[in-house]
Amino acid sequence: MGSLSLGRIVTVDLPDDVLAHVHAVIIAKLRVREPVVVGWVAEGGHHDEVMVNPAMPVLAQYDDDDAQLDRRWLNRLMMAANGVRGLQLTPDLVDALHAIQDEPADPAPPVSTTG
């Protein structure tokens, strides 16, 4: 279990594989100077959100550095980040990402070796 610290506002605990993908999406948005809403279920069961902007420090701390990025997870999270609600880091999201992981990957297109 890793943690994502957003500015001096909050730290959210996430599984390392999910954290790696969420961190990559947040950084991608901030690189083009776009803010992103990040929401989560806080202790006590209430829902919190913060607008992460390019001036805010973002720190990802991993327990395990072996998380591999999955393009399907990144696509799903980027679509959410671009949506009205932003990234909602709920248990349902974690379950949905793991369900994507269990689906067979699309076969890669054939590579042409002729010029």
C-alpha atoms as a PDB file:
ATOM      1  CA  MET A   1       0.000   0.000   0.000  1.00  0.00           C
ATOM      2  CA  GLY A   2       1.434   3.331  -1.054  1.00  0.00           C
ATOM      3  CA  SER A   3       0.337   6.901  -0.460  1.00  0.00           C
ATOM      4  CA  LEU A   4      -0.399   9.947  -2.587  1.00  0.00           C
ATOM      5  CA  SER A   5       0.173  13.323  -0.929  1.00  0.00           C
ATOM      6  CA  LEU A   6      -1.537  16.259  -2.605  1.00  0.00           C
ATOM      7  CA  GLY A   7       0.030  19.516  -1.501  1.00  0.00           C
ATOM      8  CA  ARG A   8      -0.153  19.998   2.235  1.00  0.00           C
ATOM      9  CA  ILE A   9      -3.840  19.150   2.116  1.00  0.00           C
ATOM     10  CA  VAL A  10      -4.151  15.395   2.304  1.00  0.00           C
ATOM     11  CA  THR A  11      -2.550  11.988   1.934  1.00  0.00           C
ATOM     12  CA  VAL A  12      -4.551   9.166   0.357  1.00  0.00           C
ATOM     13  CA  ASP A  13      -3.537   5.513   0.751  1.00  0.00           C
ATOM     14  CA  LEU A  14      -3.788   3.420  -2.428  1.00  0.00           C
ATOM     15  CA  PRO A  15      -2.574   0.018  -3.582  1.00  0.00           C
ATOM     16  CA  ASP A  16       0.801   0.464  -5.306  1.00  0.00           C
ATOM     17  CA  ASP A  17      -0.476  -0.647  -8.721  1.00  0.00           C
ATOM     18  CA  VAL A  18      -3.358   1.845  -8.600  1.00  0.00           C
ATOM     19  CA  LEU A  19      -1.095   4.556  -7.179  1.00  0.00           C
ATOM     20  CA  ALA A  20       1.367   4.187 -10.077  1.00  0.00           C
ATOM     21  CA  HIS A  21      -1.415   4.732 -12.620  1.00  0.00           C
ATOM     22  CA  VAL A  22      -3.126   7.586 -10.756  1.00  0.00           C
ATOM     23  CA  HIS A  23       0.228   9.321 -10.274  1.00  0.00           C
ATOM     24  CA  ALA A  24       1.053   8.964 -13.997  1.00  0.00           C
ATOM     25  CA  VAL A  25      -2.312  10.491 -14.991  1.00  0.00           C
ATOM     26  CA  ILE A  26      -1.996  13.389 -12.539  1.00  0.00           C
ATOM     27  CA  ILE A  27       1.524  14.148 -13.767  1.00  0.00           C
ATOM     28  CA  ALA A  28       0.365  13.981 -17.411  1.00  0.00           C
ATOM     29  CA  LYS A  29      -2.377  16.519 -16.669  1.00  0.00           C
ATOM     30  CA  LEU A  30      -0.050  18.821 -14.725  1.00  0.00           C
ATOM     31  CA  ARG A  31       2.614  18.728 -17.447  1.00  0.00           C
ATOM     32  CA  VAL A  32       0.186  20.459 -19.798  1.00  0.00           C
ATOM     33  CA  ARG A  33      -0.787  22.823 -16.972  1.00  0.00           C
ATOM     34  CA  GLU A  34      -4.283  21.361 -16.567  1.00  0.00           C
ATOM     35  CA  PRO A  35      -5.735  21.005 -13.072  1.00  0.00           C
ATOM     36  CA  VAL A  36      -7.522  17.781 -12.146  1.00  0.00           C
ATOM     37  CA  VAL A  37     -10.119  16.999  -9.483  1.00  0.00           C
ATOM     38  CA  VAL A  38      -9.171  14.072  -7.242  1.00  0.00           C
ATOM     39  CA  GLY A  39     -11.791  12.603  -4.917  1.00  0.00           C
ATOM     40  CA  TRP A  40     -11.691   9.791  -2.347  1.00  0.00           C
ATOM     41  CA  VAL A  41     -13.610   8.297   0.541  1.00  0.00           C
ATOM     42  CA  ALA A  42     -12.030   9.677   3.716  1.00  0.00           C
ATOM     43  CA  GLU A  43     -11.920   8.172   7.166  1.00  0.00           C
ATOM     44  CA  GLY A  44     -15.401   8.283   8.619  1.00  0.00           C
ATOM     45  CA  GLY A  45     -16.883   7.396   5.221  1.00  0.00           C
ATOM     46  CA  HIS A  46     -17.396  10.915   3.883  1.00  0.00           C
ATOM     47  CA  HIS A  47     -16.351  11.970   0.382  1.00  0.00           C
ATOM     48  CA  ASP A  48     -13.540  14.527  -0.033  1.00  0.00           C
ATOM     49  CA  GLU A  49     -12.228  16.194  -3.177  1.00  0.00           C
ATOM     50  CA  VAL A  50      -9.342  18.501  -3.999  1.00  0.00           C
ATOM     51  CA  MET A  51      -8.502  20.397  -7.181  1.00  0.00           C
ATOM     52  CA  VAL A  52      -4.870  19.521  -7.917  1.00  0.00           C
ATOM     53  CA  ASN A  53      -3.141  22.295  -9.847  1.00  0.00           C
ATOM     54  CA  PRO A  54       0.332  22.714 -11.344  1.00  0.00           C
ATOM     55  CA  ALA A  55       1.552  24.822  -8.398  1.00  0.00           C
ATOM     56  CA  MET A  56       0.787  22.029  -5.912  1.00  0.00           C
ATOM     57  CA  PRO A  57       3.403  19.490  -4.855  1.00  0.00           C
ATOM     58  CA  VAL A  58       2.396  15.879  -5.547  1.00  0.00           C
ATOM     59  CA  LEU A  59       4.256  13.088  -3.761  1.00  0.00           C
ATOM     60  CA  ALA A  60       3.778   9.387  -4.469  1.00  0.00           C
ATOM     61  CA  GLN A  61       5.352   6.983  -1.981  1.00  0.00           C
ATOM     62  CA  TYR A  62       5.401   3.296  -2.890  1.00  0.00           C
ATOM     63  CA  ASP A  63       5.877   0.222  -0.735  1.00  0.00           C
ATOM     64  CA  ASP A  64       6.821  -1.765  -3.860  1.00  0.00           C
ATOM     65  CA  ASP A  65       8.516  -0.167  -6.874  1.00  0.00           C
ATOM     66  CA  ASP A  66       7.634  -3.003  -9.268  1.00  0.00           C
ATOM     67  CA  ALA A  67       4.240  -1.692 -10.441  1.00  0.00           C
ATOM     68  CA  GLN A  68       3.930  -1.999 -14.218  1.00  0.00           C
ATOM     69  CA  LEU A  69       1.778   0.527 -16.078  1.00  0.00           C
ATOM     70  CA  ASP A  70      -1.128  -0.875 -18.092  1.00  0.00           C
ATOM     71  CA  ARG A  71      -2.292   1.209 -21.056  1.00  0.00           C
ATOM     72  CA  ARG A  72      -5.933   0.164 -20.500  1.00  0.00           C
ATOM     73  CA  TRP A  73      -5.806   1.411 -16.879  1.00  0.00           C
ATOM     74  CA  LEU A  74      -4.181   4.664 -17.997  1.00  0.00           C
ATOM     75  CA  ASN A  75      -6.844   5.185 -20.675  1.00  0.00           C
ATOM     76  CA  ARG A  76      -9.655   4.565 -18.191  1.00  0.00           C
ATOM     77  CA  LEU A  77      -8.139   6.925 -15.615  1.00  0.00           C
ATOM     78  CA  MET A  78      -7.350   9.633 -18.195  1.00  0.00           C
ATOM     79  CA  MET A  79     -10.953   9.541 -19.413  1.00  0.00           C
ATOM     80  CA  ALA A  80     -12.092   9.982 -15.808  1.00  0.00           C
ATOM     81  CA  ALA A  81      -9.591  12.799 -15.211  1.00  0.00           C
ATOM     82  CA  ASN A  82     -10.923  14.613 -18.274  1.00  0.00           C
ATOM     83  CA  GLY A  83     -14.522  14.205 -17.105  1.00  0.00           C
ATOM     84  CA  VAL A  84     -16.582  16.518 -14.940  1.00  0.00           C
ATOM     85  CA  ARG A  85     -16.069  14.499 -11.726  1.00  0.00           C
ATOM     86  CA  GLY A  86     -12.336  13.956 -12.224  1.00  0.00           C
ATOM     87  CA  LEU A  87     -10.469  11.046 -10.632  1.00  0.00           C
ATOM     88  CA  GLN A  88     -12.678   9.454  -7.988  1.00  0.00           C
ATOM     89  CA  LEU A  89     -10.418   7.090  -6.015  1.00  0.00           C
ATOM     90  CA  THR A  90     -13.078   4.770  -4.637  1.00  0.00           C
ATOM     91  CA  PRO A  91     -13.055   1.035  -3.953  1.00  0.00           C
ATOM     92  CA  ASP A  92     -15.263   0.678  -7.060  1.00  0.00           C
ATOM     93  CA  LEU A  93     -12.515   2.233  -9.175  1.00  0.00           C
ATOM     94  CA  VAL A  94      -9.929  -0.188  -7.793  1.00  0.00           C
ATOM     95  CA  ASP A  95     -12.261  -3.118  -8.527  1.00  0.00           C
ATOM     96  CA  ALA A  96     -12.919  -1.832 -12.060  1.00  0.00           C
ATOM     97  CA  LEU A  97      -9.199  -1.472 -12.773  1.00  0.00           C
ATOM     98  CA  HIS A  98      -8.486  -4.980 -11.531  1.00  0.00           C
ATOM     99  CA  ALA A  99     -11.342  -6.291 -13.717  1.00  0.00           C
ATOM    100  CA  ILE A 100      -9.674  -4.644 -16.734  1.00  0.00           C
ATOM    101  CA  GLN A 101      -6.434  -6.384 -15.796  1.00  0.00           C
ATOM    102  CA  ASP A 102      -8.201  -9.758 -15.873  1.00  0.00           C
ATOM    103  CA  GLU A 103      -9.556  -9.178 -19.400  1.00  0.00           C
ATOM    104  CA  PRO A 104      -7.461 -10.448 -22.290  1.00  0.00           C
ATOM    105  CA  ALA A 105      -5.398  -7.708 -23.890  1.00  0.00           C
ATOM    106  CA  ASP A 106      -6.139  -6.655 -27.433  1.00  0.00           C
ATOM    107  CA  PRO A 107      -3.721  -8.377 -29.756  1.00  0.00           C
ATOM    108  CA  ALA A 108      -0.980  -6.138 -31.051  1.00  0.00           C
ATOM    109  CA  PRO A 109      -1.228  -5.283 -34.746  1.00  0.00           C
ATOM    110  CA  PRO A 110       1.163  -7.212 -36.962  1.00  0.00           C
ATOM    111  CA  VAL A 111       4.490  -5.529 -37.583  1.00  0.00           C
ATOM    112  CA  SER A 112       5.520  -5.171 -41.196  1.00  0.00           C
ATOM    113  CA  THR A 113       9.139  -6.079 -41.887  1.00  0.00           C
ATOM    114  CA  THR A 114       9.029  -4.903 -45.483  1.00  0.00           C
ATOM    115  CA  GLY A 115       9.899  -1.376 -46.487  1.00  0.00           C
END
